[in-house]
């Protein structure tokens, strides 16, 4: 595995880094570069879809051990689609045995039913599932695939098995931002005891897509009496409705202004490179 950042981390004499001052609170690991859906807005977090997906479980564990003494508290598995990673069960158990690290997964949810035996609510701190609409027709338009019912079936399995679940709902003008759509997704999450995160469309999305579908998230959510207005850019205020936590995730313009260092740390790419969080 290519570890060009490890030199900067370990060579104290040349880089003057004190491991008790230099912190890496989180490691975001893109297990695969590819995905089984084709969401029209997806920028794949800057990862080319044809990037070689060569990292193995051993590479990942080595990377975690290399940075764990720098305050590592959180490992988040993403993609592409992380549930396409074949050795997922072994990977999760291996990470759990490294030490006191919270494990998170972000997935499109289409493969949960297929991979549920490889998951465990005792290992995974939270699973975030992308679900932009409760309309099967709009879901197919957004994702390019007719897998809506697979996602709902997967979410039901997670609920029955006691997982902590968060629904990620990207706000898309004209598709899911009218009052009824917003209320429907809130009601669905409250009913199933899922937390809900509304997400602002990224400015890294292709210009034509961003211009057509971007909508101001504050004004949109104020329509249903959710006022997330705040002076800080990404303070992630939240509301609670019958125990369901509803948050707003805005674009991060300045890393130092993001709350609690949530958007800091390192990224491990599918080709084995370590990069900073905002690699693009």
C-alpha atoms as a PDB file:
ATOM      1  CA  UNK A   1       0.000   0.000   0.000  1.00  0.00           C
ATOM      2  CA  UNK A   2       1.297   3.462  -0.888  1.00  0.00           C
ATOM      3  CA  UNK A   3       1.757   5.331   2.370  1.00  0.00           C
ATOM      4  CA  UNK A   4       3.231   8.686   1.369  1.00  0.00           C
ATOM      5  CA  UNK A   5       1.649  10.487   4.321  1.00  0.00           C
ATOM      6  CA  UNK A   6       3.050   8.055   6.874  1.00  0.00           C
ATOM      7  CA  UNK A   7       6.507   9.609   6.423  1.00  0.00           C
ATOM      8  CA  UNK A   8       5.125  12.996   7.422  1.00  0.00           C
ATOM      9  CA  UNK A   9       3.436  11.425  10.418  1.00  0.00           C
ATOM     10  CA  UNK A  10       6.385   9.384  11.654  1.00  0.00           C
ATOM     11  CA  UNK A  11       9.434  11.524  10.803  1.00  0.00           C
ATOM     12  CA  UNK A  12       9.392  13.864  13.789  1.00  0.00           C
ATOM     13  CA  UNK A  13      12.861  15.335  13.158  1.00  0.00           C
ATOM     14  CA  UNK A  14      12.188  16.600   9.644  1.00  0.00           C
ATOM     15  CA  UNK A  15       8.485  17.411   9.958  1.00  0.00           C
ATOM     16  CA  UNK A  16       8.494  18.496  13.617  1.00  0.00           C
ATOM     17  CA  UNK A  17       5.212  16.772  14.418  1.00  0.00           C
ATOM     18  CA  UNK A  18       4.441  15.873  18.013  1.00  0.00           C
ATOM     19  CA  UNK A  19       2.025  12.953  18.122  1.00  0.00           C
ATOM     20  CA  UNK A  20       0.402  14.377  21.247  1.00  0.00           C
ATOM     21  CA  UNK A  21      -0.384  17.618  19.385  1.00  0.00           C
ATOM     22  CA  UNK A  22      -0.970  16.370  15.833  1.00  0.00           C
ATOM     23  CA  UNK A  23      -4.408  14.728  15.834  1.00  0.00           C
ATOM     24  CA  UNK A  24      -6.129  12.443  13.354  1.00  0.00           C
ATOM     25  CA  UNK A  25      -9.598  12.025  14.902  1.00  0.00           C
ATOM     26  CA  UNK A  26     -11.125  10.161  11.962  1.00  0.00           C
ATOM     27  CA  UNK A  27     -10.205   7.970   9.035  1.00  0.00           C
ATOM     28  CA  UNK A  28     -12.602   7.861   6.093  1.00  0.00           C
ATOM     29  CA  UNK A  29     -12.028   4.716   4.048  1.00  0.00           C
ATOM     30  CA  UNK A  30     -13.396   4.382   0.520  1.00  0.00           C
ATOM     31  CA  UNK A  31     -13.570   0.623   0.134  1.00  0.00           C
ATOM     32  CA  UNK A  32     -14.624   0.650  -3.513  1.00  0.00           C
ATOM     33  CA  UNK A  33     -14.482   3.233  -6.286  1.00  0.00           C
ATOM     34  CA  UNK A  34     -17.504   1.808  -8.083  1.00  0.00           C
ATOM     35  CA  UNK A  35     -21.178   1.752  -7.173  1.00  0.00           C
ATOM     36  CA  UNK A  36     -24.171  -0.314  -8.243  1.00  0.00           C
ATOM     37  CA  UNK A  37     -26.301   2.814  -8.751  1.00  0.00           C
ATOM     38  CA  UNK A  38     -25.876   5.852 -10.993  1.00  0.00           C
ATOM     39  CA  UNK A  39     -27.250   8.860  -9.127  1.00  0.00           C
ATOM     40  CA  UNK A  40     -27.244  11.779 -11.548  1.00  0.00           C
ATOM     41  CA  UNK A  41     -25.777  14.203  -9.008  1.00  0.00           C
ATOM     42  CA  UNK A  42     -22.980  11.958  -7.708  1.00  0.00           C
ATOM     43  CA  UNK A  43     -19.443  13.363  -7.746  1.00  0.00           C
ATOM     44  CA  UNK A  44     -18.148  10.259  -5.923  1.00  0.00           C
ATOM     45  CA  UNK A  45     -16.275  12.445  -3.431  1.00  0.00           C
ATOM     46  CA  UNK A  46     -13.685  13.213  -6.097  1.00  0.00           C
ATOM     47  CA  UNK A  47     -12.790   9.553  -6.650  1.00  0.00           C
ATOM     48  CA  UNK A  48     -12.729   8.485 -10.320  1.00  0.00           C
ATOM     49  CA  UNK A  49     -15.079   5.544 -10.861  1.00  0.00           C
ATOM     50  CA  UNK A  50     -12.278   3.730 -12.700  1.00  0.00           C
ATOM     51  CA  UNK A  51      -9.765   4.138  -9.862  1.00  0.00           C
ATOM     52  CA  UNK A  52      -8.380   0.668  -9.072  1.00  0.00           C
ATOM     53  CA  UNK A  53      -9.989  -0.822  -5.952  1.00  0.00           C
ATOM     54  CA  UNK A  54      -6.970  -2.724  -4.674  1.00  0.00           C
ATOM     55  CA  UNK A  55      -6.955  -2.225  -0.893  1.00  0.00           C
ATOM     56  CA  UNK A  56      -7.430  -5.361   1.164  1.00  0.00           C
ATOM     57  CA  UNK A  57      -8.396  -5.912   4.786  1.00  0.00           C
ATOM     58  CA  UNK A  58      -4.749  -6.183   5.809  1.00  0.00           C
ATOM     59  CA  UNK A  59      -3.914  -2.835   4.165  1.00  0.00           C
ATOM     60  CA  UNK A  60      -6.764  -1.157   6.000  1.00  0.00           C
ATOM     61  CA  UNK A  61      -5.792  -2.584   9.384  1.00  0.00           C
ATOM     62  CA  UNK A  62      -2.180  -1.502   8.816  1.00  0.00           C
ATOM     63  CA  UNK A  63      -3.346   2.019   8.023  1.00  0.00           C
ATOM     64  CA  UNK A  64      -5.489   2.142  11.163  1.00  0.00           C
ATOM     65  CA  UNK A  65      -2.628   0.947  13.360  1.00  0.00           C
ATOM     66  CA  UNK A  66      -0.355   3.550  11.792  1.00  0.00           C
ATOM     67  CA  UNK A  67      -2.581   6.462  12.835  1.00  0.00           C
ATOM     68  CA  UNK A  68      -4.408   5.152  15.925  1.00  0.00           C
ATOM     69  CA  UNK A  69      -1.942   6.766  18.357  1.00  0.00           C
ATOM     70  CA  UNK A  70      -2.777  10.188  16.936  1.00  0.00           C
ATOM     71  CA  UNK A  71      -6.201  10.340  18.541  1.00  0.00           C
ATOM     72  CA  UNK A  72      -8.101   8.148  16.098  1.00  0.00           C
ATOM     73  CA  UNK A  73     -11.650   7.703  17.392  1.00  0.00           C
ATOM     74  CA  UNK A  74     -13.700   7.054  14.277  1.00  0.00           C
ATOM     75  CA  UNK A  75     -13.475   4.957  11.112  1.00  0.00           C
ATOM     76  CA  UNK A  76     -16.059   5.530   8.414  1.00  0.00           C
ATOM     77  CA  UNK A  77     -16.483   3.153   5.481  1.00  0.00           C
ATOM     78  CA  UNK A  78     -17.762   4.678   2.255  1.00  0.00           C
ATOM     79  CA  UNK A  79     -17.391   4.084  -1.474  1.00  0.00           C
ATOM     80  CA  UNK A  80     -18.457   4.057  -4.175  1.00  0.00           C
ATOM     81  CA  UNK A  81     -20.614   1.495  -2.452  1.00  0.00           C
ATOM     82  CA  UNK A  82     -18.892  -0.091   0.579  1.00  0.00           C
ATOM     83  CA  UNK A  83     -21.179  -3.120   0.726  1.00  0.00           C
ATOM     84  CA  UNK A  84     -19.586  -4.272  -2.545  1.00  0.00           C
ATOM     85  CA  UNK A  85     -16.411  -5.018  -0.552  1.00  0.00           C
ATOM     86  CA  UNK A  86     -16.237  -8.808  -0.464  1.00  0.00           C
ATOM     87  CA  UNK A  87     -14.305  -9.243   2.809  1.00  0.00           C
ATOM     88  CA  UNK A  88     -16.625  -6.930   4.735  1.00  0.00           C
ATOM     89  CA  UNK A  89     -17.388  -9.240   7.667  1.00  0.00           C
ATOM     90  CA  UNK A  90     -13.740  -9.984   8.389  1.00  0.00           C
ATOM     91  CA  UNK A  91     -12.865  -6.299   7.967  1.00  0.00           C
ATOM     92  CA  UNK A  92     -15.432  -5.128  10.518  1.00  0.00           C
ATOM     93  CA  UNK A  93     -14.363  -7.672  13.129  1.00  0.00           C
ATOM     94  CA  UNK A  94     -10.695  -6.864  12.519  1.00  0.00           C
ATOM     95  CA  UNK A  95     -11.218  -3.122  13.001  1.00  0.00           C
ATOM     96  CA  UNK A  96     -13.221  -3.710  16.161  1.00  0.00           C
ATOM     97  CA  UNK A  97     -10.304  -5.637  17.656  1.00  0.00           C
ATOM     98  CA  UNK A  98      -7.851  -2.779  17.012  1.00  0.00           C
ATOM     99  CA  UNK A  99      -9.168  -0.845  19.980  1.00  0.00           C
ATOM    100  CA  UNK A 100     -11.715   1.746  21.073  1.00  0.00           C
ATOM    101  CA  UNK A 101     -12.785   2.942  17.626  1.00  0.00           C
ATOM    102  CA  UNK A 102     -16.322   3.745  16.494  1.00  0.00           C
ATOM    103  CA  UNK A 103     -17.242   2.222  13.135  1.00  0.00           C
ATOM    104  CA  UNK A 104     -19.618   3.952  10.728  1.00  0.00           C
ATOM    105  CA  UNK A 105     -20.883   2.906   7.295  1.00  0.00           C
ATOM    106  CA  UNK A 106     -22.433   5.093   4.600  1.00  0.00           C
ATOM    107  CA  UNK A 107     -24.336   3.082   1.982  1.00  0.00           C
ATOM    108  CA  UNK A 108     -27.027   3.396  -0.664  1.00  0.00           C
ATOM    109  CA  UNK A 109     -28.839   0.586   1.159  1.00  0.00           C
ATOM    110  CA  UNK A 110     -29.541  -1.592  -1.854  1.00  0.00           C
ATOM    111  CA  UNK A 111     -27.320  -4.470  -0.664  1.00  0.00           C
ATOM    112  CA  UNK A 112     -28.239  -4.539   3.022  1.00  0.00           C
ATOM    113  CA  UNK A 113     -30.533  -7.537   2.646  1.00  0.00           C
ATOM    114  CA  UNK A 114     -27.791  -9.441   0.820  1.00  0.00           C
ATOM    115  CA  UNK A 115     -25.023  -8.513   3.288  1.00  0.00           C
ATOM    116  CA  UNK A 116     -26.951  -8.428   6.581  1.00  0.00           C
ATOM    117  CA  UNK A 117     -25.187 -11.590   7.834  1.00  0.00           C
ATOM    118  CA  UNK A 118     -21.849  -9.799   7.467  1.00  0.00           C
ATOM    119  CA  UNK A 119     -22.961  -6.882   9.641  1.00  0.00           C
ATOM    120  CA  UNK A 120     -23.457  -6.590  13.389  1.00  0.00           C
ATOM    121  CA  UNK A 121     -25.197  -3.946  15.544  1.00  0.00           C
ATOM    122  CA  UNK A 122     -22.619  -4.703  18.258  1.00  0.00           C
ATOM    123  CA  UNK A 123     -19.791  -3.616  15.967  1.00  0.00           C
ATOM    124  CA  UNK A 124     -21.276  -0.826  13.866  1.00  0.00           C
ATOM    125  CA  UNK A 125     -21.979   2.437  15.690  1.00  0.00           C
ATOM    126  CA  UNK A 126     -24.197   3.798  12.925  1.00  0.00           C
ATOM    127  CA  UNK A 127     -25.288   3.012   9.374  1.00  0.00           C
ATOM    128  CA  UNK A 128     -26.179   5.993   7.179  1.00  0.00           C
ATOM    129  CA  UNK A 129     -28.455   5.110   4.267  1.00  0.00           C
ATOM    130  CA  UNK A 130     -29.045   7.419   1.309  1.00  0.00           C
ATOM    131  CA  UNK A 131     -32.751   7.835   0.644  1.00  0.00           C
ATOM    132  CA  UNK A 132     -33.669  11.004  -1.234  1.00  0.00           C
ATOM    133  CA  UNK A 133     -37.315  10.194  -1.839  1.00  0.00           C
ATOM    134  CA  UNK A 134     -40.135   7.875  -0.827  1.00  0.00           C
ATOM    135  CA  UNK A 135     -41.489   7.930  -4.382  1.00  0.00           C
ATOM    136  CA  UNK A 136     -40.476   4.805  -6.294  1.00  0.00           C
ATOM    137  CA  UNK A 137     -40.722   6.672  -9.603  1.00  0.00           C
ATOM    138  CA  UNK A 138     -38.507   9.541  -8.438  1.00  0.00           C
ATOM    139  CA  UNK A 139     -36.081   7.107  -6.842  1.00  0.00           C
ATOM    140  CA  UNK A 140     -35.540   5.412 -10.194  1.00  0.00           C
ATOM    141  CA  UNK A 141     -35.041   8.796 -11.876  1.00  0.00           C
ATOM    142  CA  UNK A 142     -32.471   9.908  -9.269  1.00  0.00           C
ATOM    143  CA  UNK A 143     -30.480   6.671  -9.008  1.00  0.00           C
ATOM    144  CA  UNK A 144     -30.894   5.267 -12.501  1.00  0.00           C
ATOM    145  CA  UNK A 145     -31.910   1.941 -10.982  1.00  0.00           C
ATOM    146  CA  UNK A 146     -35.178   0.337  -9.877  1.00  0.00           C
ATOM    147  CA  UNK A 147     -33.958  -0.708  -6.408  1.00  0.00           C
ATOM    148  CA  UNK A 148     -36.287   1.313  -4.198  1.00  0.00           C
ATOM    149  CA  UNK A 149     -37.964  -1.705  -2.587  1.00  0.00           C
ATOM    150  CA  UNK A 150     -34.570  -3.293  -1.876  1.00  0.00           C
ATOM    151  CA  UNK A 151     -33.612  -0.216   0.146  1.00  0.00           C
ATOM    152  CA  UNK A 152     -36.850  -0.261   2.141  1.00  0.00           C
ATOM    153  CA  UNK A 153     -36.466  -3.984   2.818  1.00  0.00           C
ATOM    154  CA  UNK A 154     -32.891  -3.415   3.982  1.00  0.00           C
ATOM    155  CA  UNK A 155     -33.933  -0.595   6.286  1.00  0.00           C
ATOM    156  CA  UNK A 156     -36.623  -2.796   7.804  1.00  0.00           C
ATOM    157  CA  UNK A 157     -34.004  -5.445   8.553  1.00  0.00           C
ATOM    158  CA  UNK A 158     -31.784  -2.868  10.228  1.00  0.00           C
ATOM    159  CA  UNK A 159     -34.710  -1.649  12.339  1.00  0.00           C
ATOM    160  CA  UNK A 160     -35.689  -5.144  13.443  1.00  0.00           C
ATOM    161  CA  UNK A 161     -32.104  -6.004  14.367  1.00  0.00           C
ATOM    162  CA  UNK A 162     -31.498  -2.938  16.500  1.00  0.00           C
ATOM    163  CA  UNK A 163     -29.066  -0.939  14.360  1.00  0.00           C
ATOM    164  CA  UNK A 164     -28.648   2.783  14.828  1.00  0.00           C
ATOM    165  CA  UNK A 165     -29.755   4.171  11.471  1.00  0.00           C
ATOM    166  CA  UNK A 166     -29.537   7.615   9.906  1.00  0.00           C
ATOM    167  CA  UNK A 167     -31.276   8.508   6.652  1.00  0.00           C
ATOM    168  CA  UNK A 168     -29.338  10.877   4.372  1.00  0.00           C
ATOM    169  CA  UNK A 169     -31.735  12.970   2.298  1.00  0.00           C
ATOM    170  CA  UNK A 170     -30.152  15.217  -0.333  1.00  0.00           C
ATOM    171  CA  UNK A 171     -32.305  18.267  -1.038  1.00  0.00           C
ATOM    172  CA  UNK A 172     -33.037  18.456  -4.778  1.00  0.00           C
ATOM    173  CA  UNK A 173     -35.181  21.289  -6.111  1.00  0.00           C
ATOM    174  CA  UNK A 174     -38.328  20.060  -7.812  1.00  0.00           C
ATOM    175  CA  UNK A 175     -37.862  16.463  -6.689  1.00  0.00           C
ATOM    176  CA  UNK A 176     -38.125  16.254  -2.903  1.00  0.00           C
ATOM    177  CA  UNK A 177     -38.382  19.772  -1.503  1.00  0.00           C
ATOM    178  CA  UNK A 178     -42.110  20.468  -1.442  1.00  0.00           C
ATOM    179  CA  UNK A 179     -43.862  20.376   1.913  1.00  0.00           C
ATOM    180  CA  UNK A 180     -45.425  16.965   1.381  1.00  0.00           C
ATOM    181  CA  UNK A 181     -42.146  15.291   0.413  1.00  0.00           C
ATOM    182  CA  UNK A 182     -40.364  16.784   3.412  1.00  0.00           C
ATOM    183  CA  UNK A 183     -43.135  15.746   5.794  1.00  0.00           C
ATOM    184  CA  UNK A 184     -43.246  12.243   4.303  1.00  0.00           C
ATOM    185  CA  UNK A 185     -39.557  11.556   4.936  1.00  0.00           C
ATOM    186  CA  UNK A 186     -39.791  12.992   8.447  1.00  0.00           C
ATOM    187  CA  UNK A 187     -42.841  10.874   9.249  1.00  0.00           C
ATOM    188  CA  UNK A 188     -41.107   7.767   7.870  1.00  0.00           C
ATOM    189  CA  UNK A 189     -38.059   8.347  10.056  1.00  0.00           C
ATOM    190  CA  UNK A 190     -40.063   9.130  13.179  1.00  0.00           C
ATOM    191  CA  UNK A 191     -42.191   6.011  12.677  1.00  0.00           C
ATOM    192  CA  UNK A 192     -39.118   3.782  12.303  1.00  0.00           C
ATOM    193  CA  UNK A 193     -36.979   5.601  14.903  1.00  0.00           C
ATOM    194  CA  UNK A 194     -34.347   6.532  12.313  1.00  0.00           C
ATOM    195  CA  UNK A 195     -32.411   9.769  12.608  1.00  0.00           C
ATOM    196  CA  UNK A 196     -32.595  12.049   9.580  1.00  0.00           C
ATOM    197  CA  UNK A 197     -29.997  14.268   7.961  1.00  0.00           C
ATOM    198  CA  UNK A 198     -30.971  16.768   5.281  1.00  0.00           C
ATOM    199  CA  UNK A 199     -28.009  17.514   3.018  1.00  0.00           C
ATOM    200  CA  UNK A 200     -27.223  20.591   0.936  1.00  0.00           C
ATOM    201  CA  UNK A 201     -26.315  19.811  -2.693  1.00  0.00           C
ATOM    202  CA  UNK A 202     -22.529  20.031  -3.012  1.00  0.00           C
ATOM    203  CA  UNK A 203     -20.948  22.731  -5.143  1.00  0.00           C
ATOM    204  CA  UNK A 204     -18.622  19.986  -6.417  1.00  0.00           C
ATOM    205  CA  UNK A 205     -21.570  18.609  -8.400  1.00  0.00           C
ATOM    206  CA  UNK A 206     -21.428  19.267 -12.146  1.00  0.00           C
ATOM    207  CA  UNK A 207     -22.353  22.878 -12.883  1.00  0.00           C
ATOM    208  CA  UNK A 208     -25.464  22.124 -14.952  1.00  0.00           C
ATOM    209  CA  UNK A 209     -26.806  19.704 -12.334  1.00  0.00           C
ATOM    210  CA  UNK A 210     -26.029  22.112  -9.487  1.00  0.00           C
ATOM    211  CA  UNK A 211     -27.708  25.003 -11.310  1.00  0.00           C
ATOM    212  CA  UNK A 212     -30.869  23.013 -11.972  1.00  0.00           C
ATOM    213  CA  UNK A 213     -31.330  21.226  -8.653  1.00  0.00           C
ATOM    214  CA  UNK A 214     -29.692  23.405  -5.999  1.00  0.00           C
ATOM    215  CA  UNK A 215     -32.065  24.933  -3.464  1.00  0.00           C
ATOM    216  CA  UNK A 216     -31.356  26.953  -0.344  1.00  0.00           C
ATOM    217  CA  UNK A 217     -31.653  24.415   2.498  1.00  0.00           C
ATOM    218  CA  UNK A 218     -32.483  26.975   5.182  1.00  0.00           C
ATOM    219  CA  UNK A 219     -35.411  28.486   3.287  1.00  0.00           C
ATOM    220  CA  UNK A 220     -36.592  25.038   2.231  1.00  0.00           C
ATOM    221  CA  UNK A 221     -36.748  23.618   5.743  1.00  0.00           C
ATOM    222  CA  UNK A 222     -38.245  26.795   7.189  1.00  0.00           C
ATOM    223  CA  UNK A 223     -41.321  25.971   5.085  1.00  0.00           C
ATOM    224  CA  UNK A 224     -42.060  23.137   7.513  1.00  0.00           C
ATOM    225  CA  UNK A 225     -41.024  25.112  10.598  1.00  0.00           C
ATOM    226  CA  UNK A 226     -37.500  23.649  10.865  1.00  0.00           C
ATOM    227  CA  UNK A 227     -35.288  26.700  11.343  1.00  0.00           C
ATOM    228  CA  UNK A 228     -31.623  25.671  11.129  1.00  0.00           C
ATOM    229  CA  UNK A 229     -30.375  29.218  10.585  1.00  0.00           C
ATOM    230  CA  UNK A 230     -27.050  29.817  12.301  1.00  0.00           C
ATOM    231  CA  UNK A 231     -24.083  32.132  11.976  1.00  0.00           C
ATOM    232  CA  UNK A 232     -21.632  29.250  11.648  1.00  0.00           C
ATOM    233  CA  UNK A 233     -21.360  27.611   8.246  1.00  0.00           C
ATOM    234  CA  UNK A 234     -21.694  23.996   9.320  1.00  0.00           C
ATOM    235  CA  UNK A 235     -22.860  24.018  12.933  1.00  0.00           C
ATOM    236  CA  UNK A 236     -25.326  21.176  12.292  1.00  0.00           C
ATOM    237  CA  UNK A 237     -28.057  22.303  14.647  1.00  0.00           C
ATOM    238  CA  UNK A 238     -30.716  19.712  15.142  1.00  0.00           C
ATOM    239  CA  UNK A 239     -34.327  19.218  16.098  1.00  0.00           C
ATOM    240  CA  UNK A 240     -35.860  16.253  17.866  1.00  0.00           C
ATOM    241  CA  UNK A 241     -39.307  14.935  17.043  1.00  0.00           C
ATOM    242  CA  UNK A 242     -40.456  12.057  19.245  1.00  0.00           C
ATOM    243  CA  UNK A 243     -36.855  11.002  19.736  1.00  0.00           C
ATOM    244  CA  UNK A 244     -35.846  11.284  16.072  1.00  0.00           C
ATOM    245  CA  UNK A 245     -32.915  13.632  15.557  1.00  0.00           C
ATOM    246  CA  UNK A 246     -33.157  15.838  12.454  1.00  0.00           C
ATOM    247  CA  UNK A 247     -30.026  17.646  11.322  1.00  0.00           C
ATOM    248  CA  UNK A 248     -28.922  19.779   8.404  1.00  0.00           C
ATOM    249  CA  UNK A 249     -25.528  19.152   6.799  1.00  0.00           C
ATOM    250  CA  UNK A 250     -24.313  22.180   4.847  1.00  0.00           C
ATOM    251  CA  UNK A 251     -21.356  22.480   2.504  1.00  0.00           C
ATOM    252  CA  UNK A 252     -18.107  23.032   4.379  1.00  0.00           C
ATOM    253  CA  UNK A 253     -16.235  26.033   3.005  1.00  0.00           C
ATOM    254  CA  UNK A 254     -13.715  26.308   5.794  1.00  0.00           C
ATOM    255  CA  UNK A 255     -12.463  23.242   7.662  1.00  0.00           C
ATOM    256  CA  UNK A 256     -11.798  25.282  10.793  1.00  0.00           C
ATOM    257  CA  UNK A 257     -15.466  26.330  10.924  1.00  0.00           C
ATOM    258  CA  UNK A 258     -16.897  22.819  10.819  1.00  0.00           C
ATOM    259  CA  UNK A 259     -18.256  21.647  14.138  1.00  0.00           C
ATOM    260  CA  UNK A 260     -16.083  19.642  16.464  1.00  0.00           C
ATOM    261  CA  UNK A 261     -13.627  18.595  13.768  1.00  0.00           C
ATOM    262  CA  UNK A 262     -16.230  16.310  12.198  1.00  0.00           C
ATOM    263  CA  UNK A 263     -14.856  17.059   8.755  1.00  0.00           C
ATOM    264  CA  UNK A 264     -11.217  16.553   9.601  1.00  0.00           C
ATOM    265  CA  UNK A 265      -8.901  13.592   9.501  1.00  0.00           C
ATOM    266  CA  UNK A 266      -7.575  11.484   6.639  1.00  0.00           C
ATOM    267  CA  UNK A 267      -9.002   9.518   3.747  1.00  0.00           C
ATOM    268  CA  UNK A 268      -7.816   6.144   2.540  1.00  0.00           C
ATOM    269  CA  UNK A 269      -8.652   5.730  -1.145  1.00  0.00           C
ATOM    270  CA  UNK A 270      -9.450   2.457  -2.943  1.00  0.00           C
ATOM    271  CA  UNK A 271      -6.029   2.563  -4.656  1.00  0.00           C
ATOM    272  CA  UNK A 272      -4.218   2.603  -1.293  1.00  0.00           C
ATOM    273  CA  UNK A 273      -3.320   6.278  -1.112  1.00  0.00           C
ATOM    274  CA  UNK A 274      -3.820   8.275   2.066  1.00  0.00           C
ATOM    275  CA  UNK A 275      -5.076  11.797   1.471  1.00  0.00           C
ATOM    276  CA  UNK A 276      -6.458  14.708   3.445  1.00  0.00           C
ATOM    277  CA  UNK A 277     -10.201  14.766   4.113  1.00  0.00           C
ATOM    278  CA  UNK A 278     -11.004  17.193   1.290  1.00  0.00           C
ATOM    279  CA  UNK A 279      -9.176  15.303  -1.436  1.00  0.00           C
ATOM    280  CA  UNK A 280     -10.831  16.064  -4.760  1.00  0.00           C
END
